[in-house]
Amino acid sequence: QVQLVESGGELVQTGGSLRLSCTARGRSFSSYNMGWFRQAPGKEREFVAAIGWSSTTFYADSVRGRFTISRDNAKNTVYLQMNSLKPEDTAVYYCSATERRWFPSDGPKYDYWGQGTQVTVSS
């Protein structure tokens, strides 16, 4: 069992930056594949970025070049550095994890989820 706790979400102006953190509590973090998803009001949850246990990374087209996902296994933490933020990035951001066969952008394939952290980008 793994518990995921996100932090770092807040209100920021267009063009600004934020770094989200997700800390895992429980079993070994280094063997998990990790993902970030987001859900805006009235919209379905969508894939943002993912990083594998070997640090292979994947990004949604909408964030590639602006967001960077990384992990620090010593701290049991995965990060999402978000730059050049836009109002359309406003959403609740969720961290996710799985040890199973990995489909980076497929939400239902992840086993564990955090409670989410709110990111609001003002225009």
C-alpha atoms as a PDB file:
ATOM      1  CA  GLN A   1       0.000   0.000   0.000  1.00  0.00           C
ATOM      2  CA  VAL A   2       1.242   3.464  -0.921  1.00  0.00           C
ATOM      3  CA  GLN A   3      -0.059   6.824   0.236  1.00  0.00           C
ATOM      4  CA  LEU A   4       0.556   9.827  -1.994  1.00  0.00           C
ATOM      5  CA  VAL A   5       0.484  13.395  -0.722  1.00  0.00           C
ATOM      6  CA  GLU A   6       0.615  16.308  -3.163  1.00  0.00           C
ATOM      7  CA  SER A   7       1.582  19.863  -2.329  1.00  0.00           C
ATOM      8  CA  GLY A   8       2.588  23.092  -4.031  1.00  0.00           C
ATOM      9  CA  GLY A   9      -0.603  24.169  -5.729  1.00  0.00           C
ATOM     10  CA  GLU A  10      -1.615  27.818  -5.430  1.00  0.00           C
ATOM     11  CA  LEU A  11      -2.829  30.879  -7.295  1.00  0.00           C
ATOM     12  CA  VAL A  12      -0.351  32.214  -9.853  1.00  0.00           C
ATOM     13  CA  GLN A  13      -0.461  34.738 -12.678  1.00  0.00           C
ATOM     14  CA  THR A  14      -0.256  33.858 -16.370  1.00  0.00           C
ATOM     15  CA  GLY A  15       3.346  33.247 -17.331  1.00  0.00           C
ATOM     16  CA  GLY A  16       4.335  32.294 -13.814  1.00  0.00           C
ATOM     17  CA  SER A  17       5.837  29.081 -12.463  1.00  0.00           C
ATOM     18  CA  LEU A  18       4.997  26.520  -9.817  1.00  0.00           C
ATOM     19  CA  ARG A  19       6.561  23.309  -8.600  1.00  0.00           C
ATOM     20  CA  LEU A  20       4.268  20.562  -7.410  1.00  0.00           C
ATOM     21  CA  SER A  21       5.533  17.806  -5.144  1.00  0.00           C
ATOM     22  CA  CYS A  22       4.182  14.346  -4.455  1.00  0.00           C
ATOM     23  CA  THR A  23       5.612  12.405  -1.545  1.00  0.00           C
ATOM     24  CA  ALA A  24       4.995   8.681  -1.245  1.00  0.00           C
ATOM     25  CA  ARG A  25       4.611   6.952   2.084  1.00  0.00           C
ATOM     26  CA  GLY A  26       4.722   3.215   2.398  1.00  0.00           C
ATOM     27  CA  ARG A  27       6.521   0.683   0.275  1.00  0.00           C
ATOM     28  CA  SER A  28       9.627   1.245  -1.822  1.00  0.00           C
ATOM     29  CA  PHE A  29       9.168   4.296  -3.994  1.00  0.00           C
ATOM     30  CA  SER A  30      11.969   3.591  -6.444  1.00  0.00           C
ATOM     31  CA  SER A  31      10.129   0.709  -8.111  1.00  0.00           C
ATOM     32  CA  TYR A  32       7.014   2.728  -8.880  1.00  0.00           C
ATOM     33  CA  ASN A  33       6.041   4.358 -12.129  1.00  0.00           C
ATOM     34  CA  MET A  34       4.566   7.778 -11.365  1.00  0.00           C
ATOM     35  CA  GLY A  35       2.138  10.051 -13.137  1.00  0.00           C
ATOM     36  CA  TRP A  36       0.559  13.477 -12.901  1.00  0.00           C
ATOM     37  CA  PHE A  37      -2.992  14.023 -14.077  1.00  0.00           C
ATOM     38  CA  ARG A  38      -5.293  17.027 -13.823  1.00  0.00           C
ATOM     39  CA  GLN A  39      -8.993  17.725 -13.824  1.00  0.00           C
ATOM     40  CA  ALA A  40     -10.544  21.102 -14.562  1.00  0.00           C
ATOM     41  CA  PRO A  41     -14.124  21.972 -13.535  1.00  0.00           C
ATOM     42  CA  GLY A  42     -16.617  20.330 -15.853  1.00  0.00           C
ATOM     43  CA  LYS A  43     -13.945  18.378 -17.685  1.00  0.00           C
ATOM     44  CA  GLU A  44     -12.631  14.839 -17.551  1.00  0.00           C
ATOM     45  CA  ARG A  45      -9.346  13.977 -15.933  1.00  0.00           C
ATOM     46  CA  GLU A  46      -6.458  14.239 -18.357  1.00  0.00           C
ATOM     47  CA  PHE A  47      -2.883  13.029 -18.467  1.00  0.00           C
ATOM     48  CA  VAL A  48      -0.149  15.602 -17.854  1.00  0.00           C
ATOM     49  CA  ALA A  49       3.181  13.817 -17.419  1.00  0.00           C
ATOM     50  CA  ALA A  50       4.704  10.548 -16.224  1.00  0.00           C
ATOM     51  CA  ILE A  51       8.060   9.204 -15.140  1.00  0.00           C
ATOM     52  CA  GLY A  52       9.065   5.580 -14.934  1.00  0.00           C
ATOM     53  CA  TRP A  53      11.164   3.814 -12.325  1.00  0.00           C
ATOM     54  CA  SER A  54      14.125   4.227 -14.707  1.00  0.00           C
ATOM     55  CA  SER A  55      13.312   7.946 -15.131  1.00  0.00           C
ATOM     56  CA  THR A  56      11.894   7.642 -18.631  1.00  0.00           C
ATOM     57  CA  THR A  57       9.514  10.558 -19.105  1.00  0.00           C
ATOM     58  CA  PHE A  58       6.332  11.206 -21.069  1.00  0.00           C
ATOM     59  CA  TYR A  59       4.347  14.412 -21.566  1.00  0.00           C
ATOM     60  CA  ALA A  60       1.002  15.498 -22.909  1.00  0.00           C
ATOM     61  CA  ASP A  61       1.320  17.647 -26.018  1.00  0.00           C
ATOM     62  CA  SER A  62      -0.327  20.546 -24.207  1.00  0.00           C
ATOM     63  CA  VAL A  63       2.468  20.789 -21.627  1.00  0.00           C
ATOM     64  CA  ARG A  64       5.552  19.533 -23.471  1.00  0.00           C
ATOM     65  CA  GLY A  65       8.275  22.167 -23.343  1.00  0.00           C
ATOM     66  CA  ARG A  66       6.673  23.967 -20.401  1.00  0.00           C
ATOM     67  CA  PHE A  67       6.428  21.261 -17.725  1.00  0.00           C
ATOM     68  CA  THR A  68       9.159  18.971 -16.420  1.00  0.00           C
ATOM     69  CA  ILE A  69       8.614  15.854 -14.346  1.00  0.00           C
ATOM     70  CA  SER A  70      11.397  14.486 -12.163  1.00  0.00           C
ATOM     71  CA  ARG A  71      11.895  12.192  -9.189  1.00  0.00           C
ATOM     72  CA  ASP A  72      14.130  11.984  -6.143  1.00  0.00           C
ATOM     73  CA  ASN A  73      14.065   8.412  -4.883  1.00  0.00           C
ATOM     74  CA  ALA A  74      16.031   9.325  -1.763  1.00  0.00           C
ATOM     75  CA  LYS A  75      13.168  11.631  -0.770  1.00  0.00           C
ATOM     76  CA  ASN A  76      10.362   9.388  -2.070  1.00  0.00           C
ATOM     77  CA  THR A  77       9.173  12.378  -4.059  1.00  0.00           C
ATOM     78  CA  VAL A  78       8.166  13.165  -7.630  1.00  0.00           C
ATOM     79  CA  TYR A  79       8.053  16.756  -8.856  1.00  0.00           C
ATOM     80  CA  LEU A  80       6.232  18.628 -11.572  1.00  0.00           C
ATOM     81  CA  GLN A  81       7.933  21.891 -12.510  1.00  0.00           C
ATOM     82  CA  MET A  82       5.432  24.046 -14.373  1.00  0.00           C
ATOM     83  CA  ASN A  83       6.630  27.104 -16.296  1.00  0.00           C
ATOM     84  CA  SER A  84       4.897  29.581 -18.604  1.00  0.00           C
ATOM     85  CA  LEU A  85       1.582  28.788 -16.984  1.00  0.00           C
ATOM     86  CA  LYS A  86      -1.632  29.557 -18.827  1.00  0.00           C
ATOM     87  CA  PRO A  87      -5.217  29.966 -17.584  1.00  0.00           C
ATOM     88  CA  GLU A  88      -6.071  26.660 -19.255  1.00  0.00           C
ATOM     89  CA  ASP A  89      -3.645  24.933 -16.872  1.00  0.00           C
ATOM     90  CA  THR A  90      -6.069  25.693 -14.038  1.00  0.00           C
ATOM     91  CA  ALA A  91      -7.130  22.376 -12.491  1.00  0.00           C
ATOM     92  CA  VAL A  92      -6.766  20.043  -9.572  1.00  0.00           C
ATOM     93  CA  TYR A  93      -3.533  18.138 -10.111  1.00  0.00           C
ATOM     94  CA  TYR A  94      -3.308  14.529  -8.967  1.00  0.00           C
ATOM     95  CA  CYS A  95      -0.296  12.312  -8.404  1.00  0.00           C
ATOM     96  CA  SER A  96      -0.555   8.609  -9.198  1.00  0.00           C
ATOM     97  CA  ALA A  97       1.551   5.472  -8.918  1.00  0.00           C
ATOM     98  CA  THR A  98       1.698   1.896 -10.121  1.00  0.00           C
ATOM     99  CA  GLU A  99       4.062  -1.059 -10.006  1.00  0.00           C
ATOM    100  CA  ARG A 100       2.146  -2.961 -12.663  1.00  0.00           C
ATOM    101  CA  ARG A 101       2.696  -2.952 -16.399  1.00  0.00           C
ATOM    102  CA  TRP A 102       2.886   0.697 -17.264  1.00  0.00           C
ATOM    103  CA  PHE A 103       0.714   2.679 -19.652  1.00  0.00           C
ATOM    104  CA  PRO A 104       1.902   6.217 -18.821  1.00  0.00           C
ATOM    105  CA  SER A 105      -1.122   8.175 -19.988  1.00  0.00           C
ATOM    106  CA  ASP A 106      -3.801   5.652 -19.006  1.00  0.00           C
ATOM    107  CA  GLY A 107      -5.288   6.781 -15.706  1.00  0.00           C
ATOM    108  CA  PRO A 108      -7.188   3.580 -14.842  1.00  0.00           C
ATOM    109  CA  LYS A 109      -3.914   1.627 -15.047  1.00  0.00           C
ATOM    110  CA  TYR A 110      -2.581   3.457 -11.977  1.00  0.00           C
ATOM    111  CA  ASP A 111      -3.264   1.862  -8.587  1.00  0.00           C
ATOM    112  CA  TYR A 112      -2.718   4.711  -6.147  1.00  0.00           C
ATOM    113  CA  TRP A 113      -3.818   8.334  -6.173  1.00  0.00           C
ATOM    114  CA  GLY A 114      -3.270  11.381  -4.034  1.00  0.00           C
ATOM    115  CA  GLN A 115      -5.946  13.769  -2.851  1.00  0.00           C
ATOM    116  CA  GLY A 116      -5.013  16.469  -5.340  1.00  0.00           C
ATOM    117  CA  THR A 117      -3.684  20.009  -5.155  1.00  0.00           C
ATOM    118  CA  GLN A 118      -5.379  23.051  -6.705  1.00  0.00           C
ATOM    119  CA  VAL A 119      -3.535  25.106  -9.302  1.00  0.00           C
ATOM    120  CA  THR A 120      -5.201  28.327 -10.398  1.00  0.00           C
ATOM    121  CA  VAL A 121      -3.707  30.516 -13.132  1.00  0.00           C
ATOM    122  CA  SER A 122      -5.171  34.000 -13.326  1.00  0.00           C
ATOM    123  CA  SER A 123      -5.337  35.894 -16.620  1.00  0.00           C
END
